[in-house]
Amino acid sequence: MKLTDLRANEGAKRKRKRVARGHGAGQGGYAGRGIKGQGSRGGKPKGAYFEGGQLPLVRRLPFKRGFNNIFRIEYQEVRLDRLAAVAEAADVNLITPELLSELGLIREPLQPVVILGQGEVTKAINVKAHRFTKSAEEKIKAAGGSVETVPLKVTGAHATFRKLRKAQLVKLHGES
């Protein structure tokens, strides 16, 4: 094999489009650039992020604070001190999302619940919820209680519980 035998792969090299060579060539007249305006003449190219004179997205971004995650799961928050007050007042051992909704601490028993670690627990309580903060879990176990994580029925991109209607939640979790 010699250097003269080397060839580029089929289709790797294309002939350039020759513009402004008459109407018969297909790109005559204004050569696909239009009549007037910024793109019709030679010179500096517009660049990848040019937006026609509008402030480019790259320069606008620092003023946009954060973004909205459309796949987020919205948890109903319950503080630990509220749980302790419920356990002492109602004299119950097991606290579930259904019980919390009956007592008015959360709105919807089918929506996910998170237990936050604010406050102290003196009585041993057993808590069922979809999520616990580390401090809440440690405080409940230190008081002699137990935590049970209820698995979410929907996962991944479909776990946007805020978008599910009540009929859909009942279908997932059953009647409560």
N, C-alpha and C. Protein backbone atom coordinates (compact mmCIF):
# COMPACT_ATOMS: atom_id res chain seq x y z
N MET A 1 0.84 -1.19 0.00
CA MET A 1 0.00 0.00 0.00
C MET A 1 0.88 1.24 0.00
N LYS A 2 0.50 2.21 -0.79
CA LYS A 2 1.23 3.46 -0.88
C LYS A 2 0.32 4.61 -0.49
N LEU A 3 0.92 5.75 -0.23
CA LEU A 3 0.14 6.94 0.14
C LEU A 3 -0.84 7.34 -0.95
N THR A 4 -0.48 7.06 -2.16
CA THR A 4 -1.36 7.42 -3.28
C THR A 4 -2.59 6.53 -3.34
N ASP A 5 -2.52 5.38 -2.67
CA ASP A 5 -3.67 4.45 -2.67
C ASP A 5 -4.72 4.83 -1.63
N LEU A 6 -4.38 5.70 -0.67
CA LEU A 6 -5.31 6.06 0.40
C LEU A 6 -6.43 6.94 -0.14
N ARG A 7 -7.64 6.64 0.24
CA ARG A 7 -8.80 7.42 -0.17
C ARG A 7 -9.66 7.67 1.05
N ALA A 8 -10.37 8.78 1.06
CA ALA A 8 -11.31 9.06 2.14
C ALA A 8 -12.52 8.14 2.00
N ASN A 9 -13.22 7.91 3.10
CA ASN A 9 -14.42 7.06 3.06
C ASN A 9 -15.45 7.66 2.12
N GLU A 10 -16.31 6.81 1.63
CA GLU A 10 -17.36 7.25 0.72
C GLU A 10 -18.27 8.25 1.42
N GLY A 11 -18.46 9.42 0.86
CA GLY A 11 -19.33 10.44 1.44
C GLY A 11 -18.66 11.33 2.46
N ALA A 12 -17.38 11.08 2.77
CA ALA A 12 -16.69 11.90 3.77
C ALA A 12 -16.34 13.27 3.22
N LYS A 13 -16.02 13.34 1.96
CA LYS A 13 -15.66 14.61 1.34
C LYS A 13 -16.74 14.99 0.35
N ARG A 14 -17.31 16.18 0.56
CA ARG A 14 -18.35 16.66 -0.36
C ARG A 14 -17.84 17.90 -1.08
N LYS A 15 -18.29 18.07 -2.29
CA LYS A 15 -17.92 19.27 -3.02
C LYS A 15 -18.68 20.44 -2.43
N ARG A 16 -18.04 21.59 -2.35
CA ARG A 16 -18.70 22.75 -1.77
C ARG A 16 -19.76 23.27 -2.73
N LYS A 17 -20.78 23.89 -2.16
CA LYS A 17 -21.86 24.45 -2.96
C LYS A 17 -21.37 25.76 -3.58
N ARG A 18 -21.39 25.82 -4.89
CA ARG A 18 -20.95 27.03 -5.58
C ARG A 18 -22.16 27.91 -5.79
N VAL A 19 -22.20 29.04 -5.10
CA VAL A 19 -23.36 29.92 -5.17
C VAL A 19 -23.08 31.12 -6.07
N ALA A 20 -24.15 31.80 -6.46
CA ALA A 20 -24.07 33.00 -7.31
C ALA A 20 -23.42 32.71 -8.64
N ARG A 21 -23.78 31.59 -9.25
CA ARG A 21 -23.25 31.23 -10.56
C ARG A 21 -24.38 31.12 -11.59
N GLY A 22 -25.46 31.85 -11.37
CA GLY A 22 -26.56 31.86 -12.33
C GLY A 22 -27.73 31.02 -11.85
N HIS A 23 -28.91 31.29 -12.41
CA HIS A 23 -30.13 30.60 -12.00
C HIS A 23 -30.10 29.13 -12.36
N GLY A 24 -29.40 28.78 -13.40
CA GLY A 24 -29.34 27.38 -13.80
C GLY A 24 -28.68 26.50 -12.76
N ALA A 25 -27.81 27.07 -11.94
CA ALA A 25 -27.11 26.30 -10.92
C ALA A 25 -27.95 26.10 -9.67
N GLY A 26 -29.09 26.80 -9.56
CA GLY A 26 -29.98 26.61 -8.42
C GLY A 26 -29.76 27.59 -7.29
N GLN A 27 -28.61 28.24 -7.25
CA GLN A 27 -28.34 29.22 -6.18
C GLN A 27 -27.90 30.54 -6.81
N GLY A 28 -28.62 30.97 -7.81
CA GLY A 28 -28.27 32.23 -8.47
C GLY A 28 -28.90 33.40 -7.75
N GLY A 29 -28.91 34.55 -8.39
CA GLY A 29 -29.53 35.73 -7.81
C GLY A 29 -28.83 36.16 -6.54
N TYR A 30 -29.52 36.05 -5.41
CA TYR A 30 -28.93 36.48 -4.13
C TYR A 30 -28.25 35.33 -3.40
N ALA A 31 -28.12 34.21 -4.02
CA ALA A 31 -27.37 33.06 -3.51
C ALA A 31 -27.91 32.55 -2.18
N GLY A 32 -29.22 32.61 -1.99
CA GLY A 32 -29.83 32.08 -0.77
C GLY A 32 -29.70 32.97 0.44
N ARG A 33 -29.22 34.22 0.24
CA ARG A 33 -29.01 35.10 1.38
C ARG A 33 -30.10 36.16 1.51
N GLY A 34 -31.04 36.19 0.64
CA GLY A 34 -32.05 37.23 0.68
C GLY A 34 -31.55 38.49 0.03
N ILE A 35 -32.37 39.55 0.06
CA ILE A 35 -32.00 40.77 -0.65
C ILE A 35 -31.12 41.67 0.20
N LYS A 36 -31.63 42.10 1.35
CA LYS A 36 -30.86 43.02 2.19
C LYS A 36 -30.76 42.46 3.60
N GLY A 37 -30.10 43.17 4.44
CA GLY A 37 -30.05 42.81 5.85
C GLY A 37 -28.71 42.25 6.27
N GLN A 38 -28.63 41.92 7.53
CA GLN A 38 -27.37 41.56 8.14
C GLN A 38 -26.72 40.33 7.50
N GLY A 39 -27.52 39.32 7.20
CA GLY A 39 -26.95 38.09 6.67
C GLY A 39 -26.65 38.14 5.19
N SER A 40 -27.03 39.20 4.50
CA SER A 40 -26.86 39.23 3.05
C SER A 40 -25.46 39.60 2.63
N ARG A 41 -24.74 40.29 3.49
CA ARG A 41 -23.41 40.75 3.12
C ARG A 41 -22.34 39.94 3.82
N GLY A 42 -21.13 40.06 3.32
CA GLY A 42 -20.01 39.34 3.92
C GLY A 42 -19.57 40.01 5.21
N GLY A 43 -18.56 39.46 5.83
CA GLY A 43 -18.04 40.06 7.06
C GLY A 43 -18.19 39.11 8.23
N LYS A 44 -18.33 39.71 9.41
CA LYS A 44 -18.35 38.93 10.65
C LYS A 44 -19.60 38.04 10.70
N PRO A 45 -19.43 36.73 11.00
CA PRO A 45 -20.60 35.86 11.11
C PRO A 45 -21.39 36.15 12.40
N LYS A 46 -22.63 35.75 12.40
CA LYS A 46 -23.50 36.04 13.55
C LYS A 46 -23.10 35.26 14.78
N GLY A 47 -22.59 34.06 14.64
CA GLY A 47 -22.20 33.27 15.80
C GLY A 47 -23.32 32.37 16.28
N ALA A 48 -22.97 31.41 17.09
CA ALA A 48 -23.91 30.37 17.50
C ALA A 48 -25.02 30.90 18.40
N TYR A 49 -24.73 31.88 19.26
CA TYR A 49 -25.70 32.32 20.26
C TYR A 49 -26.32 33.67 19.94
N PHE A 50 -26.17 34.11 18.71
CA PHE A 50 -26.73 35.40 18.34
C PHE A 50 -28.24 35.31 18.29
N GLU A 51 -28.92 36.32 18.85
CA GLU A 51 -30.38 36.29 18.91
C GLU A 51 -31.01 37.51 18.26
N GLY A 52 -30.38 38.00 17.18
CA GLY A 52 -30.99 39.09 16.43
C GLY A 52 -30.99 40.41 17.15
N GLY A 53 -30.02 40.66 17.99
CA GLY A 53 -29.96 41.93 18.70
C GLY A 53 -30.57 41.86 20.09
N GLN A 54 -31.41 40.87 20.35
CA GLN A 54 -31.96 40.67 21.70
C GLN A 54 -30.82 40.23 22.61
N LEU A 55 -30.92 40.54 23.91
CA LEU A 55 -29.87 40.14 24.84
C LEU A 55 -29.79 38.61 24.85
N PRO A 56 -28.62 38.05 24.55
CA PRO A 56 -28.52 36.60 24.41
C PRO A 56 -28.85 35.86 25.71
N LEU A 57 -29.30 34.63 25.56
CA LEU A 57 -29.67 33.81 26.70
C LEU A 57 -28.53 33.66 27.69
N VAL A 58 -27.32 33.51 27.19
CA VAL A 58 -26.15 33.33 28.05
C VAL A 58 -25.96 34.53 28.96
N ARG A 59 -26.27 35.72 28.47
CA ARG A 59 -26.11 36.92 29.29
C ARG A 59 -27.33 37.17 30.17
N ARG A 60 -28.47 36.61 29.81
CA ARG A 60 -29.68 36.80 30.62
C ARG A 60 -29.70 35.87 31.83
N LEU A 61 -29.03 34.73 31.74
CA LEU A 61 -29.16 33.68 32.75
C LEU A 61 -28.82 34.09 34.19
N PRO A 62 -27.76 34.89 34.45
CA PRO A 62 -27.47 35.21 35.84
C PRO A 62 -28.62 35.90 36.55
N PHE A 63 -29.51 36.52 35.83
CA PHE A 63 -30.62 37.24 36.46
C PHE A 63 -31.82 36.33 36.68
N LYS A 64 -31.80 35.16 36.04
CA LYS A 64 -32.87 34.19 36.26
C LYS A 64 -32.48 33.35 37.47
N ARG A 65 -33.25 33.41 38.52
CA ARG A 65 -32.87 32.71 39.74
C ARG A 65 -33.42 31.29 39.74
N GLY A 66 -32.57 30.31 39.54
CA GLY A 66 -32.97 28.91 39.61
C GLY A 66 -33.86 28.49 38.46
N PHE A 67 -34.55 27.37 38.67
CA PHE A 67 -35.45 26.84 37.66
C PHE A 67 -36.53 26.04 38.37
N ASN A 68 -37.59 25.71 37.67
CA ASN A 68 -38.66 24.90 38.22
C ASN A 68 -38.50 23.47 37.75
N ASN A 69 -38.28 22.56 38.68
CA ASN A 69 -38.16 21.16 38.34
C ASN A 69 -39.56 20.57 38.20
N ILE A 70 -39.93 20.20 36.98
CA ILE A 70 -41.28 19.72 36.75
C ILE A 70 -41.48 18.30 37.27
N PHE A 71 -40.39 17.61 37.63
CA PHE A 71 -40.50 16.24 38.12
C PHE A 71 -40.38 16.14 39.64
N ARG A 72 -40.46 17.27 40.33
CA ARG A 72 -40.27 17.21 41.78
C ARG A 72 -41.47 16.55 42.46
N ILE A 73 -41.19 15.95 43.61
CA ILE A 73 -42.24 15.35 44.42
C ILE A 73 -42.49 16.31 45.57
N GLU A 74 -43.71 16.78 45.70
CA GLU A 74 -44.04 17.71 46.78
C GLU A 74 -44.51 16.92 47.99
N TYR A 75 -43.71 16.99 49.04
CA TYR A 75 -44.04 16.30 50.28
C TYR A 75 -44.84 17.22 51.19
N GLN A 76 -45.72 16.62 52.01
CA GLN A 76 -46.41 17.36 53.05
C GLN A 76 -45.53 17.26 54.30
N GLU A 77 -45.16 18.39 54.87
CA GLU A 77 -44.20 18.41 55.97
C GLU A 77 -44.91 18.36 57.32
N VAL A 78 -44.36 17.54 58.22
CA VAL A 78 -44.86 17.47 59.59
C VAL A 78 -43.65 17.53 60.52
N ARG A 79 -43.67 18.49 61.46
CA ARG A 79 -42.55 18.64 62.40
C ARG A 79 -42.66 17.61 63.52
N LEU A 80 -41.52 17.28 64.10
CA LEU A 80 -41.45 16.27 65.15
C LEU A 80 -42.18 16.70 66.41
N ASP A 81 -42.13 17.99 66.76
CA ASP A 81 -42.82 18.45 67.97
C ASP A 81 -44.34 18.31 67.82
N ARG A 82 -44.86 18.48 66.59
CA ARG A 82 -46.30 18.27 66.36
C ARG A 82 -46.66 16.79 66.53
N LEU A 83 -45.77 15.90 66.08
CA LEU A 83 -45.99 14.47 66.26
C LEU A 83 -46.01 14.08 67.73
N ALA A 84 -45.08 14.67 68.49
CA ALA A 84 -45.02 14.37 69.92
C ALA A 84 -46.29 14.84 70.62
N ALA A 85 -46.79 16.01 70.24
CA ALA A 85 -48.03 16.53 70.84
C ALA A 85 -49.21 15.62 70.48
N VAL A 86 -49.26 15.12 69.25
CA VAL A 86 -50.34 14.21 68.83
C VAL A 86 -50.26 12.90 69.62
N ALA A 87 -49.04 12.37 69.78
CA ALA A 87 -48.87 11.10 70.47
C ALA A 87 -49.31 11.20 71.93
N GLU A 88 -49.04 12.33 72.57
CA GLU A 88 -49.43 12.50 73.98
C GLU A 88 -50.91 12.79 74.11
N ALA A 89 -51.45 13.62 73.23
CA ALA A 89 -52.86 14.01 73.34
C ALA A 89 -53.79 12.86 72.94
N ALA A 90 -53.50 12.19 71.84
CA ALA A 90 -54.38 11.14 71.36
C ALA A 90 -54.05 9.79 71.97
N ASP A 91 -52.93 9.69 72.67
CA ASP A 91 -52.47 8.46 73.31
C ASP A 91 -52.43 7.30 72.30
N VAL A 92 -51.71 7.54 71.19
CA VAL A 92 -51.56 6.51 70.15
C VAL A 92 -50.09 6.12 70.06
N ASN A 93 -49.86 4.90 69.63
CA ASN A 93 -48.51 4.40 69.48
C ASN A 93 -48.03 4.47 68.03
N LEU A 94 -48.94 4.21 67.08
CA LEU A 94 -48.59 4.18 65.68
C LEU A 94 -49.18 5.41 64.97
N ILE A 95 -48.31 6.18 64.35
CA ILE A 95 -48.75 7.38 63.63
C ILE A 95 -48.56 7.12 62.14
N THR A 96 -49.66 7.22 61.39
CA THR A 96 -49.65 6.97 59.94
C THR A 96 -50.14 8.23 59.23
N PRO A 97 -49.94 8.31 57.91
CA PRO A 97 -50.48 9.46 57.16
C PRO A 97 -51.99 9.61 57.29
N GLU A 98 -52.71 8.47 57.39
CA GLU A 98 -54.16 8.53 57.55
C GLU A 98 -54.54 9.20 58.86
N LEU A 99 -53.84 8.84 59.94
CA LEU A 99 -54.11 9.45 61.25
C LEU A 99 -53.78 10.94 61.22
N LEU A 100 -52.68 11.30 60.57
CA LEU A 100 -52.28 12.70 60.49
C LEU A 100 -53.32 13.53 59.73
N SER A 101 -53.92 12.95 58.69
CA SER A 101 -54.95 13.70 57.95
C SER A 101 -56.23 13.82 58.77
N GLU A 102 -56.57 12.80 59.55
CA GLU A 102 -57.76 12.87 60.42
C GLU A 102 -57.59 13.97 61.46
N LEU A 103 -56.37 14.13 61.97
CA LEU A 103 -56.10 15.13 63.00
C LEU A 103 -55.86 16.52 62.41
N GLY A 104 -55.79 16.62 61.08
CA GLY A 104 -55.65 17.92 60.44
C GLY A 104 -54.22 18.41 60.30
N LEU A 105 -53.23 17.53 60.50
CA LEU A 105 -51.83 17.95 60.35
C LEU A 105 -51.39 17.95 58.89
N ILE A 106 -52.03 17.12 58.07
CA ILE A 106 -51.77 17.15 56.63
C ILE A 106 -53.12 17.20 55.92
N ARG A 107 -53.09 17.62 54.66
CA ARG A 107 -54.34 17.78 53.92
C ARG A 107 -54.81 16.49 53.26
N GLU A 108 -53.87 15.77 52.66
CA GLU A 108 -54.25 14.63 51.84
C GLU A 108 -53.46 13.40 52.27
N PRO A 109 -54.12 12.33 52.74
CA PRO A 109 -53.38 11.15 53.20
C PRO A 109 -52.69 10.39 52.07
N LEU A 110 -53.12 10.60 50.83
CA LEU A 110 -52.53 9.88 49.71
C LEU A 110 -51.26 10.54 49.19
N GLN A 111 -51.07 11.82 49.52
CA GLN A 111 -49.85 12.53 49.09
C GLN A 111 -48.68 12.13 49.98
N PRO A 112 -47.44 12.19 49.49
CA PRO A 112 -46.27 11.81 50.29
C PRO A 112 -46.08 12.72 51.50
N VAL A 113 -45.58 12.14 52.60
CA VAL A 113 -45.38 12.86 53.86
C VAL A 113 -43.91 12.76 54.25
N VAL A 114 -43.35 13.88 54.71
CA VAL A 114 -41.99 13.89 55.23
C VAL A 114 -42.03 14.36 56.69
N ILE A 115 -41.23 13.71 57.53
CA ILE A 115 -41.15 14.07 58.95
C ILE A 115 -39.86 14.87 59.14
N LEU A 116 -40.01 16.10 59.64
CA LEU A 116 -38.87 16.99 59.86
C LEU A 116 -38.42 16.89 61.31
N GLY A 117 -37.15 17.16 61.57
CA GLY A 117 -36.57 16.94 62.89
C GLY A 117 -36.64 18.11 63.85
N GLN A 118 -37.56 19.05 63.68
CA GLN A 118 -37.66 20.18 64.61
C GLN A 118 -38.45 19.75 65.84
N GLY A 119 -37.89 20.02 67.01
CA GLY A 119 -38.57 19.66 68.25
C GLY A 119 -37.97 18.41 68.86
N GLU A 120 -38.54 18.00 70.00
CA GLU A 120 -38.04 16.84 70.73
C GLU A 120 -39.16 15.84 70.95
N VAL A 121 -38.80 14.57 71.11
CA VAL A 121 -39.75 13.51 71.41
C VAL A 121 -39.32 12.84 72.70
N THR A 122 -40.28 12.71 73.64
CA THR A 122 -39.96 12.05 74.92
C THR A 122 -40.58 10.66 74.98
N LYS A 123 -41.72 10.48 74.32
CA LYS A 123 -42.43 9.21 74.33
C LYS A 123 -42.02 8.36 73.13
N ALA A 124 -41.98 7.04 73.33
CA ALA A 124 -41.64 6.14 72.23
C ALA A 124 -42.83 6.05 71.29
N ILE A 125 -42.63 6.46 70.04
CA ILE A 125 -43.71 6.40 69.05
C ILE A 125 -43.21 5.68 67.80
N ASN A 126 -44.14 5.01 67.14
CA ASN A 126 -43.84 4.34 65.87
C ASN A 126 -44.46 5.18 64.76
N VAL A 127 -43.67 5.56 63.78
CA VAL A 127 -44.13 6.48 62.74
C VAL A 127 -43.96 5.84 61.37
N LYS A 128 -45.01 5.93 60.56
CA LYS A 128 -44.95 5.51 59.16
C LYS A 128 -45.05 6.77 58.30
N ALA A 129 -44.10 6.97 57.41
CA ALA A 129 -44.13 8.12 56.50
C ALA A 129 -43.31 7.76 55.26
N HIS A 130 -43.41 8.62 54.26
CA HIS A 130 -42.70 8.36 53.00
C HIS A 130 -41.23 8.75 53.07
N ARG A 131 -40.91 9.70 53.98
CA ARG A 131 -39.52 10.14 54.08
C ARG A 131 -39.28 10.73 55.46
N PHE A 132 -38.06 10.58 55.99
CA PHE A 132 -37.67 11.14 57.28
C PHE A 132 -36.36 11.89 57.09
N THR A 133 -36.21 13.02 57.79
CA THR A 133 -34.89 13.65 57.82
C THR A 133 -34.03 12.85 58.79
N LYS A 134 -32.71 12.99 58.66
CA LYS A 134 -31.80 12.22 59.52
C LYS A 134 -32.01 12.55 60.99
N SER A 135 -32.17 13.85 61.27
CA SER A 135 -32.33 14.25 62.67
C SER A 135 -33.63 13.71 63.24
N ALA A 136 -34.70 13.70 62.45
CA ALA A 136 -35.99 13.17 62.93
C ALA A 136 -35.88 11.69 63.22
N GLU A 137 -35.23 10.97 62.34
CA GLU A 137 -35.07 9.52 62.53
C GLU A 137 -34.25 9.23 63.77
N GLU A 138 -33.18 9.98 63.98
CA GLU A 138 -32.32 9.78 65.16
C GLU A 138 -33.08 10.07 66.45
N LYS A 139 -33.86 11.16 66.47
CA LYS A 139 -34.58 11.54 67.69
C LYS A 139 -35.68 10.53 68.03
N ILE A 140 -36.38 10.02 67.02
CA ILE A 140 -37.43 9.02 67.27
C ILE A 140 -36.82 7.74 67.82
N LYS A 141 -35.71 7.29 67.23
CA LYS A 141 -35.06 6.06 67.70
C LYS A 141 -34.43 6.24 69.07
N ALA A 142 -33.93 7.45 69.36
CA ALA A 142 -33.34 7.72 70.67
C ALA A 142 -34.40 7.68 71.77
N ALA A 143 -35.64 8.03 71.43
CA ALA A 143 -36.74 8.01 72.41
C ALA A 143 -37.32 6.60 72.56
N GLY A 144 -36.81 5.63 71.79
CA GLY A 144 -37.29 4.26 71.90
C GLY A 144 -38.34 3.90 70.87
N GLY A 145 -38.61 4.76 69.93
CA GLY A 145 -39.61 4.49 68.90
C GLY A 145 -39.00 3.86 67.67
N SER A 146 -39.81 3.73 66.64
CA SER A 146 -39.32 3.16 65.38
C SER A 146 -39.88 3.95 64.21
N VAL A 147 -39.15 3.89 63.10
CA VAL A 147 -39.59 4.56 61.87
C VAL A 147 -39.76 3.52 60.79
N GLU A 148 -40.79 3.70 59.96
CA GLU A 148 -41.01 2.81 58.83
C GLU A 148 -41.25 3.68 57.61
N THR A 149 -40.41 3.49 56.60
CA THR A 149 -40.53 4.26 55.38
C THR A 149 -41.53 3.59 54.45
N VAL A 150 -42.59 4.31 54.11
CA VAL A 150 -43.59 3.80 53.18
C VAL A 150 -43.09 4.07 51.77
N PRO A 151 -42.97 3.05 50.92
CA PRO A 151 -42.47 3.30 49.56
C PRO A 151 -43.48 4.09 48.73
N LEU A 152 -42.95 4.93 47.86
CA LEU A 152 -43.81 5.68 46.95
C LEU A 152 -44.33 4.72 45.89
N LYS A 153 -45.60 4.86 45.54
CA LYS A 153 -46.21 3.96 44.56
C LYS A 153 -45.72 4.27 43.14
N VAL A 154 -45.34 5.51 42.88
CA VAL A 154 -44.89 5.92 41.56
C VAL A 154 -43.46 6.40 41.69
N THR A 155 -42.61 6.05 40.73
CA THR A 155 -41.21 6.48 40.78
C THR A 155 -40.81 7.10 39.46
N GLY A 156 -39.63 7.70 39.45
CA GLY A 156 -39.08 8.27 38.22
C GLY A 156 -39.81 9.53 37.79
N ALA A 157 -39.87 9.73 36.49
CA ALA A 157 -40.46 10.95 35.94
C ALA A 157 -41.96 11.02 36.20
N HIS A 158 -42.61 9.88 36.52
CA HIS A 158 -44.05 9.87 36.77
C HIS A 158 -44.38 10.16 38.22
N ALA A 159 -43.37 10.43 39.05
CA ALA A 159 -43.60 10.62 40.48
C ALA A 159 -43.99 12.04 40.83
N THR A 160 -44.50 12.78 39.88
CA THR A 160 -44.92 14.15 40.16
C THR A 160 -46.32 14.11 40.76
N PHE A 161 -46.37 13.90 42.07
CA PHE A 161 -47.64 13.74 42.76
C PHE A 161 -48.50 14.99 42.69
N ARG A 162 -47.87 16.15 42.52
CA ARG A 162 -48.64 17.38 42.48
C ARG A 162 -49.51 17.43 41.22
N LYS A 163 -49.14 16.65 40.19
CA LYS A 163 -49.90 16.66 38.95
C LYS A 163 -51.02 15.62 38.96
N LEU A 164 -50.92 14.62 39.85
CA LEU A 164 -51.92 13.57 39.87
C LEU A 164 -53.19 14.05 40.54
N ARG A 165 -54.33 13.73 39.92
CA ARG A 165 -55.61 14.10 40.51
C ARG A 165 -55.97 13.08 41.59
N LYS A 166 -56.96 13.45 42.41
CA LYS A 166 -57.34 12.59 43.51
C LYS A 166 -57.78 11.22 43.02
N ALA A 167 -58.51 11.16 41.90
CA ALA A 167 -58.96 9.87 41.37
C ALA A 167 -57.76 8.98 41.00
N GLN A 168 -56.69 9.60 40.47
CA GLN A 168 -55.51 8.84 40.11
C GLN A 168 -54.77 8.35 41.36
N LEU A 169 -54.74 9.20 42.40
CA LEU A 169 -54.09 8.80 43.65
C LEU A 169 -54.84 7.64 44.31
N VAL A 170 -56.15 7.69 44.28
CA VAL A 170 -56.95 6.61 44.86
C VAL A 170 -56.71 5.32 44.09
N LYS A 171 -56.56 5.43 42.77
CA LYS A 171 -56.30 4.26 41.95
C LYS A 171 -54.95 3.65 42.32
N LEU A 172 -53.95 4.50 42.62
CA LEU A 172 -52.63 4.01 43.00
C LEU A 172 -52.61 3.40 44.39
N HIS A 173 -53.19 4.10 45.37
CA HIS A 173 -53.07 3.73 46.77
C HIS A 173 -54.25 2.94 47.29
N GLY A 174 -55.36 2.98 46.60
CA GLY A 174 -56.58 2.37 47.12
C GLY A 174 -57.34 3.36 47.95
N GLU A 175 -58.55 3.04 48.31
CA GLU A 175 -59.42 3.92 49.13
C GLU A 175 -58.85 4.03 50.53
N SER A 176 -58.93 5.24 51.10
CA SER A 176 -58.45 5.40 52.48
C SER A 176 -59.48 6.12 53.31
